[in-house]
Amino acid sequence: MPPANLIDGRGIARQLQGELVQRIEALKARGVQPGLAFVRVGEDPASKVYVGRKEKMCAELGIHSETHVLSEAASEADLLGLLHRLNTDPRLHGVLVQAPLPPHLRATVVYASVLPEKDVDGFHPVNVGKLMLGDPTGFLPCTPAGIRELLARSEVQIGGAEVVVLGRGNIVGKPMAAMLCQKEKHANATVTICHSATRDIGAHCRRADILIAAMGVAEFVKADMVKPGAVVVDVGVNRVSDPAAKGGSRLVGDVDFAGVQPVAGKITPNPGGVGPMTIAMLMQNTVRAAERAAR
């Protein structure tokens, strides 16, 4: 039997998917099938796995999906040309460019080339700006949005809480902080962002009612960094060597789960916590984009 303080990301994702099925059926009754295009550049093994999971969820929900793969050596012009074609395809309501991109491609240029109304990843500058302004008409980035949904559906009190976000990345850290400090429901928190130049990170962590680890450092958060009863969310995906594991390595999060779990009030497992929610929120953004296009 799993520990009572586990936040079940898979279970909450299934709830969300059940809600989406009804919305997808309503769209299909009007002759609209939500459509999502995946774009992958190169043969990064993790990217293949992530896109495969997203394709599988599309199939389960009845969302049309298609995947376009460019070679590692593809030019920026090749990629932008493909994105232009996908932007103008009326069957597609969402376009997702899988990260990471090869170093010769400028991520800022690429993400800004997806139409804001098809940017279901929430990376276009227009959607980033809407997030900062608290404008609900934008698309929220999927991982931070999934974390907020996890917290809300697990009845975690966010309003007035001290939240510490470990990591200042554009995909999780910064948008997470912006989301949780908004003056709205399931927000209104006091948020601190910590990073590699933060002095005495442990002191900041011990003050947190909600600790969100998104630094990309294997098992960085130890038990003595967590306030007893705090809610701990582990976003990290790190590969560490393990001679006993198949292939000689295994995946771990940014949190030392075995040490932290007895101290935490609630904690996300890894895997099975944030990952399923990220995919569920991508599906939700795609359905929302289709609903808007059908108006």
C-alpha atoms as a PDB file:
ATOM      1  CA  MET A   1       0.000   0.000   0.000  1.00  0.00           C
ATOM      2  CA  PRO A   2       1.478   3.414  -0.970  1.00  0.00           C
ATOM      3  CA  PRO A   3       2.270   5.976   1.753  1.00  0.00           C
ATOM      4  CA  ALA A   4      -0.756   8.053   2.752  1.00  0.00           C
ATOM      5  CA  ASN A   5       1.000  11.333   1.990  1.00  0.00           C
ATOM      6  CA  LEU A   6       1.660  10.568  -1.699  1.00  0.00           C
ATOM      7  CA  ILE A   7       0.134  12.948  -4.258  1.00  0.00           C
ATOM      8  CA  ASP A   8      -1.144  10.627  -6.996  1.00  0.00           C
ATOM      9  CA  GLY A   9      -0.303  12.397 -10.262  1.00  0.00           C
ATOM     10  CA  ARG A  10      -1.519   9.482 -12.371  1.00  0.00           C
ATOM     11  CA  GLY A  11      -4.899   9.413 -10.636  1.00  0.00           C
ATOM     12  CA  ILE A  12      -5.425  13.168 -10.918  1.00  0.00           C
ATOM     13  CA  ALA A  13      -4.363  13.075 -14.585  1.00  0.00           C
ATOM     14  CA  ARG A  14      -7.011  10.405 -15.200  1.00  0.00           C
ATOM     15  CA  GLN A  15      -9.645  12.699 -13.639  1.00  0.00           C
ATOM     16  CA  LEU A  16      -8.638  15.474 -16.031  1.00  0.00           C
ATOM     17  CA  GLN A  17      -8.679  13.118 -19.011  1.00  0.00           C
ATOM     18  CA  GLY A  18     -12.189  11.995 -18.095  1.00  0.00           C
ATOM     19  CA  GLU A  19     -13.333  15.615 -18.111  1.00  0.00           C
ATOM     20  CA  LEU A  20     -11.675  16.182 -21.498  1.00  0.00           C
ATOM     21  CA  VAL A  21     -13.456  13.213 -23.127  1.00  0.00           C
ATOM     22  CA  GLN A  22     -16.800  14.977 -22.728  1.00  0.00           C
ATOM     23  CA  ARG A  23     -15.441  18.186 -24.285  1.00  0.00           C
ATOM     24  CA  ILE A  24     -13.888  16.257 -27.191  1.00  0.00           C
ATOM     25  CA  GLU A  25     -17.185  14.451 -27.850  1.00  0.00           C
ATOM     26  CA  ALA A  26     -18.998  17.801 -27.875  1.00  0.00           C
ATOM     27  CA  LEU A  27     -16.522  19.123 -30.450  1.00  0.00           C
ATOM     28  CA  LYS A  28     -16.853  16.020 -32.624  1.00  0.00           C
ATOM     29  CA  ALA A  29     -20.643  16.416 -32.562  1.00  0.00           C
ATOM     30  CA  ARG A  30     -20.013  19.779 -34.237  1.00  0.00           C
ATOM     31  CA  GLY A  31     -17.696  18.217 -36.824  1.00  0.00           C
ATOM     32  CA  VAL A  32     -14.450  19.273 -35.150  1.00  0.00           C
ATOM     33  CA  GLN A  33     -11.723  16.844 -34.089  1.00  0.00           C
ATOM     34  CA  PRO A  34      -8.958  18.437 -31.992  1.00  0.00           C
ATOM     35  CA  GLY A  35      -5.612  18.147 -33.788  1.00  0.00           C
ATOM     36  CA  LEU A  36      -2.069  18.337 -32.442  1.00  0.00           C
ATOM     37  CA  ALA A  37       1.232  18.278 -34.353  1.00  0.00           C
ATOM     38  CA  PHE A  38       4.513  17.220 -32.768  1.00  0.00           C
ATOM     39  CA  VAL A  39       7.813  18.381 -34.235  1.00  0.00           C
ATOM     40  CA  ARG A  40      11.017  16.615 -33.264  1.00  0.00           C
ATOM     41  CA  VAL A  41      14.487  17.559 -34.494  1.00  0.00           C
ATOM     42  CA  GLY A  42      17.077  14.790 -34.253  1.00  0.00           C
ATOM     43  CA  GLU A  43      16.993  11.422 -32.523  1.00  0.00           C
ATOM     44  CA  ASP A  44      17.348  12.340 -28.835  1.00  0.00           C
ATOM     45  CA  PRO A  45      16.204   9.171 -26.987  1.00  0.00           C
ATOM     46  CA  ALA A  46      14.334  11.040 -24.236  1.00  0.00           C
ATOM     47  CA  SER A  47      12.534  13.214 -26.790  1.00  0.00           C
ATOM     48  CA  LYS A  48      11.383  10.090 -28.643  1.00  0.00           C
ATOM     49  CA  VAL A  49       9.958   8.678 -25.402  1.00  0.00           C
ATOM     50  CA  TYR A  50       8.190  11.926 -24.467  1.00  0.00           C
ATOM     51  CA  VAL A  51       6.616  12.377 -27.895  1.00  0.00           C
ATOM     52  CA  GLY A  52       5.575   8.714 -27.878  1.00  0.00           C
ATOM     53  CA  ARG A  53       3.731   9.173 -24.573  1.00  0.00           C
ATOM     54  CA  LYS A  54       1.952  12.254 -25.879  1.00  0.00           C
ATOM     55  CA  GLU A  55       0.948  10.437 -29.084  1.00  0.00           C
ATOM     56  CA  LYS A  56      -0.436   7.560 -27.008  1.00  0.00           C
ATOM     57  CA  MET A  57      -2.556   9.938 -24.903  1.00  0.00           C
ATOM     58  CA  CYS A  58      -3.894  11.649 -28.035  1.00  0.00           C
ATOM     59  CA  ALA A  59      -4.966   8.254 -29.380  1.00  0.00           C
ATOM     60  CA  GLU A  60      -6.689   7.343 -26.112  1.00  0.00           C
ATOM     61  CA  LEU A  61      -8.645  10.609 -25.991  1.00  0.00           C
ATOM     62  CA  GLY A  62      -9.552  10.770 -29.681  1.00  0.00           C
ATOM     63  CA  ILE A  63      -7.310  13.719 -30.544  1.00  0.00           C
ATOM     64  CA  HIS A  64      -5.814  13.617 -34.055  1.00  0.00           C
ATOM     65  CA  SER A  65      -2.013  13.756 -33.834  1.00  0.00           C
ATOM     66  CA  GLU A  66       0.816  13.724 -36.323  1.00  0.00           C
ATOM     67  CA  THR A  67       4.568  13.736 -35.784  1.00  0.00           C
ATOM     68  CA  HIS A  68       7.094  15.454 -38.030  1.00  0.00           C
ATOM     69  CA  VAL A  69      10.751  14.485 -37.618  1.00  0.00           C
ATOM     70  CA  LEU A  70      13.618  16.547 -39.025  1.00  0.00           C
ATOM     71  CA  SER A  71      17.225  15.417 -39.067  1.00  0.00           C
ATOM     72  CA  GLU A  72      19.694  16.696 -36.470  1.00  0.00           C
ATOM     73  CA  ALA A  73      21.359  18.717 -39.266  1.00  0.00           C
ATOM     74  CA  ALA A  74      18.141  20.460 -40.373  1.00  0.00           C
ATOM     75  CA  SER A  75      18.553  24.200 -40.833  1.00  0.00           C
ATOM     76  CA  GLU A  76      16.558  26.830 -38.983  1.00  0.00           C
ATOM     77  CA  ALA A  77      14.922  27.731 -42.307  1.00  0.00           C
ATOM     78  CA  ASP A  78      13.813  24.096 -42.755  1.00  0.00           C
ATOM     79  CA  LEU A  79      12.221  24.071 -39.305  1.00  0.00           C
ATOM     80  CA  LEU A  80      10.556  27.470 -39.697  1.00  0.00           C
ATOM     81  CA  GLY A  81       9.172  26.400 -43.076  1.00  0.00           C
ATOM     82  CA  LEU A  82       7.608  23.307 -41.496  1.00  0.00           C
ATOM     83  CA  LEU A  83       6.124  25.391 -38.678  1.00  0.00           C
ATOM     84  CA  HIS A  84       4.596  27.788 -41.207  1.00  0.00           C
ATOM     85  CA  ARG A  85       2.848  24.865 -42.920  1.00  0.00           C
ATOM     86  CA  LEU A  86       1.546  23.549 -39.594  1.00  0.00           C
ATOM     87  CA  ASN A  87       0.401  27.033 -38.529  1.00  0.00           C
ATOM     88  CA  THR A  88      -1.744  27.289 -41.657  1.00  0.00           C
ATOM     89  CA  ASP A  89      -3.218  23.766 -41.492  1.00  0.00           C
ATOM     90  CA  PRO A  90      -6.835  24.133 -40.263  1.00  0.00           C
ATOM     91  CA  ARG A  91      -6.909  20.503 -39.030  1.00  0.00           C
ATOM     92  CA  LEU A  92      -4.288  21.331 -36.420  1.00  0.00           C
ATOM     93  CA  HIS A  93      -5.204  23.319 -33.324  1.00  0.00           C
ATOM     94  CA  GLY A  94      -1.905  22.848 -31.493  1.00  0.00           C
ATOM     95  CA  VAL A  95       1.758  22.714 -32.553  1.00  0.00           C
ATOM     96  CA  LEU A  96       4.442  21.476 -30.167  1.00  0.00           C
ATOM     97  CA  VAL A  97       8.188  21.633 -30.830  1.00  0.00           C
ATOM     98  CA  GLN A  98       9.830  19.045 -28.572  1.00  0.00           C
ATOM     99  CA  ALA A  99      12.760  20.298 -26.498  1.00  0.00           C
ATOM    100  CA  PRO A 100      15.699  20.137 -26.495  1.00  0.00           C
ATOM    101  CA  LEU A 101      16.630  21.507 -29.893  1.00  0.00           C
ATOM    102  CA  PRO A 102      20.081  21.026 -31.457  1.00  0.00           C
ATOM    103  CA  PRO A 103      22.411  23.888 -30.414  1.00  0.00           C
ATOM    104  CA  HIS A 104      22.510  25.498 -33.890  1.00  0.00           C
ATOM    105  CA  LEU A 105      18.772  26.249 -33.710  1.00  0.00           C
ATOM    106  CA  ARG A 106      17.674  29.337 -31.758  1.00  0.00           C
ATOM    107  CA  ALA A 107      14.942  28.218 -29.369  1.00  0.00           C
ATOM    108  CA  THR A 108      13.601  31.760 -28.927  1.00  0.00           C
ATOM    109  CA  VAL A 109      13.131  32.156 -32.688  1.00  0.00           C
ATOM    110  CA  VAL A 110      11.590  28.701 -33.070  1.00  0.00           C
ATOM    111  CA  TYR A 111       9.058  29.031 -30.241  1.00  0.00           C
ATOM    112  CA  ALA A 112       8.070  32.523 -31.400  1.00  0.00           C
ATOM    113  CA  SER A 113       7.327  31.067 -34.858  1.00  0.00           C
ATOM    114  CA  VAL A 114       4.390  28.974 -33.608  1.00  0.00           C
ATOM    115  CA  LEU A 115       1.166  30.996 -33.758  1.00  0.00           C
ATOM    116  CA  PRO A 116       0.145  32.082 -30.219  1.00  0.00           C
ATOM    117  CA  GLU A 117      -3.291  30.516 -30.729  1.00  0.00           C
ATOM    118  CA  LYS A 118      -1.636  27.152 -31.546  1.00  0.00           C
ATOM    119  CA  ASP A 119       1.099  27.443 -28.912  1.00  0.00           C
ATOM    120  CA  VAL A 120      -0.242  24.730 -26.603  1.00  0.00           C
ATOM    121  CA  ASP A 121       3.154  24.557 -24.851  1.00  0.00           C
ATOM    122  CA  GLY A 122       2.785  28.156 -23.627  1.00  0.00           C
ATOM    123  CA  PHE A 123       6.246  29.240 -24.824  1.00  0.00           C
ATOM    124  CA  HIS A 124       5.350  32.014 -27.296  1.00  0.00           C
ATOM    125  CA  PRO A 125       6.227  35.522 -25.997  1.00  0.00           C
ATOM    126  CA  VAL A 126       2.555  36.523 -26.267  1.00  0.00           C
ATOM    127  CA  ASN A 127       1.490  33.667 -23.970  1.00  0.00           C
ATOM    128  CA  VAL A 128       4.406  34.286 -21.602  1.00  0.00           C
ATOM    129  CA  GLY A 129       3.348  37.932 -21.409  1.00  0.00           C
ATOM    130  CA  LYS A 130      -0.282  36.998 -20.755  1.00  0.00           C
ATOM    131  CA  LEU A 131       0.839  34.734 -17.907  1.00  0.00           C
ATOM    132  CA  MET A 132       2.810  37.581 -16.324  1.00  0.00           C
ATOM    133  CA  LEU A 133      -0.173  39.930 -16.684  1.00  0.00           C
ATOM    134  CA  GLY A 134      -2.644  37.417 -15.279  1.00  0.00           C
ATOM    135  CA  ASP A 135      -4.563  37.396 -18.581  1.00  0.00           C
ATOM    136  CA  PRO A 136      -6.541  34.114 -18.673  1.00  0.00           C
ATOM    137  CA  THR A 137      -6.826  34.099 -22.484  1.00  0.00           C
ATOM    138  CA  GLY A 138      -3.257  32.794 -22.910  1.00  0.00           C
ATOM    139  CA  PHE A 139      -2.011  29.217 -22.811  1.00  0.00           C
ATOM    140  CA  LEU A 140      -0.156  28.250 -19.635  1.00  0.00           C
ATOM    141  CA  PRO A 141       3.000  26.113 -19.880  1.00  0.00           C
ATOM    142  CA  CYS A 142       2.044  22.530 -19.178  1.00  0.00           C
ATOM    143  CA  THR A 143       4.344  21.492 -16.323  1.00  0.00           C
ATOM    144  CA  PRO A 144       3.706  24.495 -14.036  1.00  0.00           C
ATOM    145  CA  ALA A 145      -0.012  24.375 -14.850  1.00  0.00           C
ATOM    146  CA  GLY A 146      -0.016  20.664 -14.011  1.00  0.00           C
ATOM    147  CA  ILE A 147       1.712  21.314 -10.685  1.00  0.00           C
ATOM    148  CA  ARG A 148      -0.851  23.935  -9.728  1.00  0.00           C
ATOM    149  CA  GLU A 149      -3.645  21.527 -10.656  1.00  0.00           C
ATOM    150  CA  LEU A 150      -1.999  18.787  -8.566  1.00  0.00           C
ATOM    151  CA  LEU A 151      -1.853  21.096  -5.562  1.00  0.00           C
ATOM    152  CA  ALA A 152      -5.422  22.356  -5.988  1.00  0.00           C
ATOM    153  CA  ARG A 153      -6.942  18.886  -6.456  1.00  0.00           C
ATOM    154  CA  SER A 154      -4.942  17.575  -3.485  1.00  0.00           C
ATOM    155  CA  GLU A 155      -6.541  20.338  -1.372  1.00  0.00           C
ATOM    156  CA  VAL A 156      -3.233  22.022  -0.626  1.00  0.00           C
ATOM    157  CA  GLN A 157      -3.735  25.563   0.703  1.00  0.00           C
ATOM    158  CA  ILE A 158      -1.865  27.815  -1.747  1.00  0.00           C
ATOM    159  CA  GLY A 159      -3.258  31.223  -0.791  1.00  0.00           C
ATOM    160  CA  GLY A 160      -0.939  32.861   1.751  1.00  0.00           C
ATOM    161  CA  ALA A 161       1.507  29.949   1.643  1.00  0.00           C
ATOM    162  CA  GLU A 162       5.276  30.377   1.541  1.00  0.00           C
ATOM    163  CA  VAL A 163       6.370  28.726  -1.710  1.00  0.00           C
ATOM    164  CA  VAL A 164       9.995  28.094  -2.616  1.00  0.00           C
ATOM    165  CA  VAL A 165      10.779  27.207  -6.235  1.00  0.00           C
ATOM    166  CA  LEU A 166      14.199  25.674  -6.816  1.00  0.00           C
ATOM    167  CA  GLY A 167      15.224  26.597 -10.360  1.00  0.00           C
ATOM    168  CA  ARG A 168      14.764  29.658 -12.563  1.00  0.00           C
ATOM    169  CA  GLY A 169      14.285  27.996 -15.951  1.00  0.00           C
ATOM    170  CA  ASN A 170      11.858  29.313 -18.551  1.00  0.00           C
ATOM    171  CA  ILE A 171       9.948  26.027 -18.754  1.00  0.00           C
ATOM    172  CA  VAL A 172       9.187  25.456 -15.042  1.00  0.00           C
ATOM    173  CA  GLY A 173      10.810  27.798 -12.510  1.00  0.00           C
ATOM    174  CA  LYS A 174       9.907  31.280 -13.745  1.00  0.00           C
ATOM    175  CA  PRO A 175       6.372  30.490 -14.982  1.00  0.00           C
ATOM    176  CA  MET A 176       5.661  28.497 -11.801  1.00  0.00           C
ATOM    177  CA  ALA A 177       6.536  31.496  -9.651  1.00  0.00           C
ATOM    178  CA  ALA A 178       4.481  33.833 -11.851  1.00  0.00           C
ATOM    179  CA  MET A 179       1.478  31.507 -11.707  1.00  0.00           C
ATOM    180  CA  LEU A 180       1.420  31.049  -7.932  1.00  0.00           C
ATOM    181  CA  CYS A 181       1.770  34.745  -7.038  1.00  0.00           C
ATOM    182  CA  GLN A 182      -1.178  35.892  -9.182  1.00  0.00           C
ATOM    183  CA  LYS A 183      -4.148  37.479  -7.443  1.00  0.00           C
ATOM    184  CA  GLU A 184      -6.542  34.643  -8.243  1.00  0.00           C
ATOM    185  CA  LYS A 185      -7.896  31.294  -7.082  1.00  0.00           C
ATOM    186  CA  HIS A 186      -5.291  28.581  -6.419  1.00  0.00           C
ATOM    187  CA  ALA A 187      -2.573  31.251  -6.226  1.00  0.00           C
ATOM    188  CA  ASN A 188      -1.943  34.251  -3.916  1.00  0.00           C
ATOM    189  CA  ALA A 189       1.205  32.659  -2.521  1.00  0.00           C
ATOM    190  CA  THR A 190       4.407  34.369  -1.399  1.00  0.00           C
ATOM    191  CA  VAL A 191       7.013  32.962  -3.776  1.00  0.00           C
ATOM    192  CA  THR A 192      10.808  32.772  -3.532  1.00  0.00           C
ATOM    193  CA  ILE A 193      12.907  31.564  -6.477  1.00  0.00           C
ATOM    194  CA  CYS A 194      16.224  29.949  -5.546  1.00  0.00           C
ATOM    195  CA  HIS A 195      19.009  29.086  -7.996  1.00  0.00           C
ATOM    196  CA  SER A 196      22.697  28.247  -8.252  1.00  0.00           C
ATOM    197  CA  ALA A 197      23.774  31.656  -6.908  1.00  0.00           C
ATOM    198  CA  THR A 198      21.388  31.644  -3.904  1.00  0.00           C
ATOM    199  CA  ARG A 199      23.128  31.844  -0.539  1.00  0.00           C
ATOM    200  CA  ASP A 200      22.053  29.220   2.009  1.00  0.00           C
ATOM    201  CA  ILE A 201      19.421  27.470  -0.083  1.00  0.00           C
ATOM    202  CA  GLY A 202      18.676  25.167   2.855  1.00  0.00           C
ATOM    203  CA  ALA A 203      17.435  28.085   4.980  1.00  0.00           C
ATOM    204  CA  HIS A 204      15.020  29.152   2.233  1.00  0.00           C
ATOM    205  CA  CYS A 205      13.768  25.581   1.784  1.00  0.00           C
ATOM    206  CA  ARG A 206      13.122  25.106   5.504  1.00  0.00           C
ATOM    207  CA  ARG A 207      10.827  28.146   5.454  1.00  0.00           C
ATOM    208  CA  ALA A 208       8.642  26.712   2.683  1.00  0.00           C
ATOM    209  CA  ASP A 209       5.095  25.449   3.162  1.00  0.00           C
ATOM    210  CA  ILE A 210       5.320  24.256  -0.475  1.00  0.00           C
ATOM    211  CA  LEU A 211       8.694  23.300  -1.953  1.00  0.00           C
ATOM    212  CA  ILE A 212       8.931  22.791  -5.737  1.00  0.00           C
ATOM    213  CA  ALA A 213      12.220  21.262  -6.910  1.00  0.00           C
ATOM    214  CA  ALA A 214      13.057  21.951 -10.568  1.00  0.00           C
ATOM    215  CA  MET A 215      16.833  22.406 -10.571  1.00  0.00           C
ATOM    216  CA  GLY A 216      17.902  19.341 -12.515  1.00  0.00           C
ATOM    217  CA  VAL A 217      20.255  18.138  -9.763  1.00  0.00           C
ATOM    218  CA  ALA A 218      19.822  14.514  -8.715  1.00  0.00           C
ATOM    219  CA  GLU A 219      18.381  14.081  -5.197  1.00  0.00           C
ATOM    220  CA  PHE A 220      19.419  17.624  -4.225  1.00  0.00           C
ATOM    221  CA  VAL A 221      16.670  18.118  -1.625  1.00  0.00           C
ATOM    222  CA  LYS A 222      17.490  16.208   1.568  1.00  0.00           C
ATOM    223  CA  ALA A 223      15.328  15.638   4.637  1.00  0.00           C
ATOM    224  CA  ASP A 224      17.087  18.326   6.692  1.00  0.00           C
ATOM    225  CA  MET A 225      16.091  20.936   4.067  1.00  0.00           C
ATOM    226  CA  VAL A 226      12.348  20.318   4.460  1.00  0.00           C
ATOM    227  CA  LYS A 227      10.053  21.781   7.094  1.00  0.00           C
ATOM    228  CA  PRO A 228       8.061  18.976   8.769  1.00  0.00           C
ATOM    229  CA  GLY A 229       4.614  18.811   7.160  1.00  0.00           C
ATOM    230  CA  ALA A 230       5.609  20.763   4.049  1.00  0.00           C
ATOM    231  CA  VAL A 231       4.290  19.838   0.600  1.00  0.00           C
ATOM    232  CA  VAL A 232       7.128  18.721  -1.696  1.00  0.00           C
ATOM    233  CA  VAL A 233       6.813  18.598  -5.496  1.00  0.00           C
ATOM    234  CA  ASP A 234       9.622  16.886  -7.425  1.00  0.00           C
ATOM    235  CA  VAL A 235       9.949  17.994 -11.059  1.00  0.00           C
ATOM    236  CA  GLY A 236      13.430  16.631 -11.727  1.00  0.00           C
ATOM    237  CA  VAL A 237      14.372  13.919 -14.210  1.00  0.00           C
ATOM    238  CA  ASN A 238      18.035  12.945 -13.766  1.00  0.00           C
ATOM    239  CA  ARG A 239      19.902   9.864 -14.941  1.00  0.00           C
ATOM    240  CA  VAL A 240      22.387   8.444 -12.417  1.00  0.00           C
ATOM    241  CA  SER A 241      24.685   5.452 -12.740  1.00  0.00           C
ATOM    242  CA  ASP A 242      23.569   2.276 -10.991  1.00  0.00           C
ATOM    243  CA  PRO A 243      25.420  -0.956 -11.803  1.00  0.00           C
ATOM    244  CA  ALA A 244      22.477  -2.968 -10.417  1.00  0.00           C
ATOM    245  CA  ALA A 245      19.955  -1.341 -12.781  1.00  0.00           C
ATOM    246  CA  LYS A 246      19.172  -2.446 -16.318  1.00  0.00           C
ATOM    247  CA  GLY A 247      21.516  -0.582 -18.652  1.00  0.00           C
ATOM    248  CA  GLY A 248      23.681   0.517 -15.732  1.00  0.00           C
ATOM    249  CA  SER A 249      21.672   3.636 -14.867  1.00  0.00           C
ATOM    250  CA  ARG A 250      18.307   4.747 -13.482  1.00  0.00           C
ATOM    251  CA  LEU A 251      16.192   7.886 -13.319  1.00  0.00           C
ATOM    252  CA  VAL A 252      15.821   9.886 -10.105  1.00  0.00           C
ATOM    253  CA  GLY A 253      14.237  13.213  -9.222  1.00  0.00           C
ATOM    254  CA  ASP A 254      15.594  16.360  -7.596  1.00  0.00           C
ATOM    255  CA  VAL A 255      14.347  15.118  -4.207  1.00  0.00           C
ATOM    256  CA  ASP A 256      15.841  12.351  -2.065  1.00  0.00           C
ATOM    257  CA  PHE A 257      12.448  10.667  -1.882  1.00  0.00           C
ATOM    258  CA  ALA A 258      13.320   7.975   0.678  1.00  0.00           C
ATOM    259  CA  GLY A 259      14.701  10.550   3.093  1.00  0.00           C
ATOM    260  CA  VAL A 260      12.152  13.322   2.523  1.00  0.00           C
ATOM    261  CA  GLN A 261       8.920  11.308   2.331  1.00  0.00           C
ATOM    262  CA  PRO A 262       8.693  10.634   6.125  1.00  0.00           C
ATOM    263  CA  VAL A 263       9.145  14.384   6.834  1.00  0.00           C
ATOM    264  CA  ALA A 264       6.774  15.804   4.212  1.00  0.00           C
ATOM    265  CA  GLY A 265       3.085  16.415   4.752  1.00  0.00           C
ATOM    266  CA  LYS A 266       2.462  15.554   1.096  1.00  0.00           C
ATOM    267  CA  ILE A 267       4.934  14.577  -1.631  1.00  0.00           C
ATOM    268  CA  THR A 268       4.838  13.696  -5.326  1.00  0.00           C
ATOM    269  CA  PRO A 269       6.376  10.369  -6.333  1.00  0.00           C
ATOM    270  CA  ASN A 270       8.847  10.335  -9.194  1.00  0.00           C
ATOM    271  CA  PRO A 271       7.789   8.872 -11.591  1.00  0.00           C
ATOM    272  CA  GLY A 272       4.009   9.106 -11.268  1.00  0.00           C
ATOM    273  CA  GLY A 273       3.750  12.654  -9.960  1.00  0.00           C
ATOM    274  CA  VAL A 274       4.330  15.646 -12.216  1.00  0.00           C
ATOM    275  CA  GLY A 275       4.938  13.788 -15.513  1.00  0.00           C
ATOM    276  CA  PRO A 276       1.381  12.522 -16.137  1.00  0.00           C
ATOM    277  CA  MET A 277       0.017  15.973 -15.288  1.00  0.00           C
ATOM    278  CA  THR A 278       2.233  17.670 -17.865  1.00  0.00           C
ATOM    279  CA  ILE A 279       0.735  15.488 -20.603  1.00  0.00           C
ATOM    280  CA  ALA A 280      -2.815  15.970 -19.280  1.00  0.00           C
ATOM    281  CA  MET A 281      -2.416  19.764 -19.365  1.00  0.00           C
ATOM    282  CA  LEU A 282      -1.080  19.584 -22.932  1.00  0.00           C
ATOM    283  CA  MET A 283      -4.235  17.705 -23.917  1.00  0.00           C
ATOM    284  CA  GLN A 284      -6.355  20.298 -22.089  1.00  0.00           C
ATOM    285  CA  ASN A 285      -4.627  23.178 -23.913  1.00  0.00           C
ATOM    286  CA  THR A 286      -5.190  21.403 -27.257  1.00  0.00           C
ATOM    287  CA  VAL A 287      -8.902  20.898 -26.570  1.00  0.00           C
ATOM    288  CA  ARG A 288      -9.187  24.533 -25.503  1.00  0.00           C
ATOM    289  CA  ALA A 289      -7.493  25.652 -28.729  1.00  0.00           C
ATOM    290  CA  ALA A 290      -9.950  23.548 -30.757  1.00  0.00           C
ATOM    291  CA  GLU A 291     -12.912  24.988 -28.842  1.00  0.00           C
ATOM    292  CA  ARG A 292     -11.714  28.506 -29.608  1.00  0.00           C
ATOM    293  CA  ALA A 293     -11.179  27.741 -33.299  1.00  0.00           C
ATOM    294  CA  ALA A 294     -14.709  26.288 -33.483  1.00  0.00           C
ATOM    295  CA  ARG A 295     -16.401  29.419 -32.160  1.00  0.00           C
END
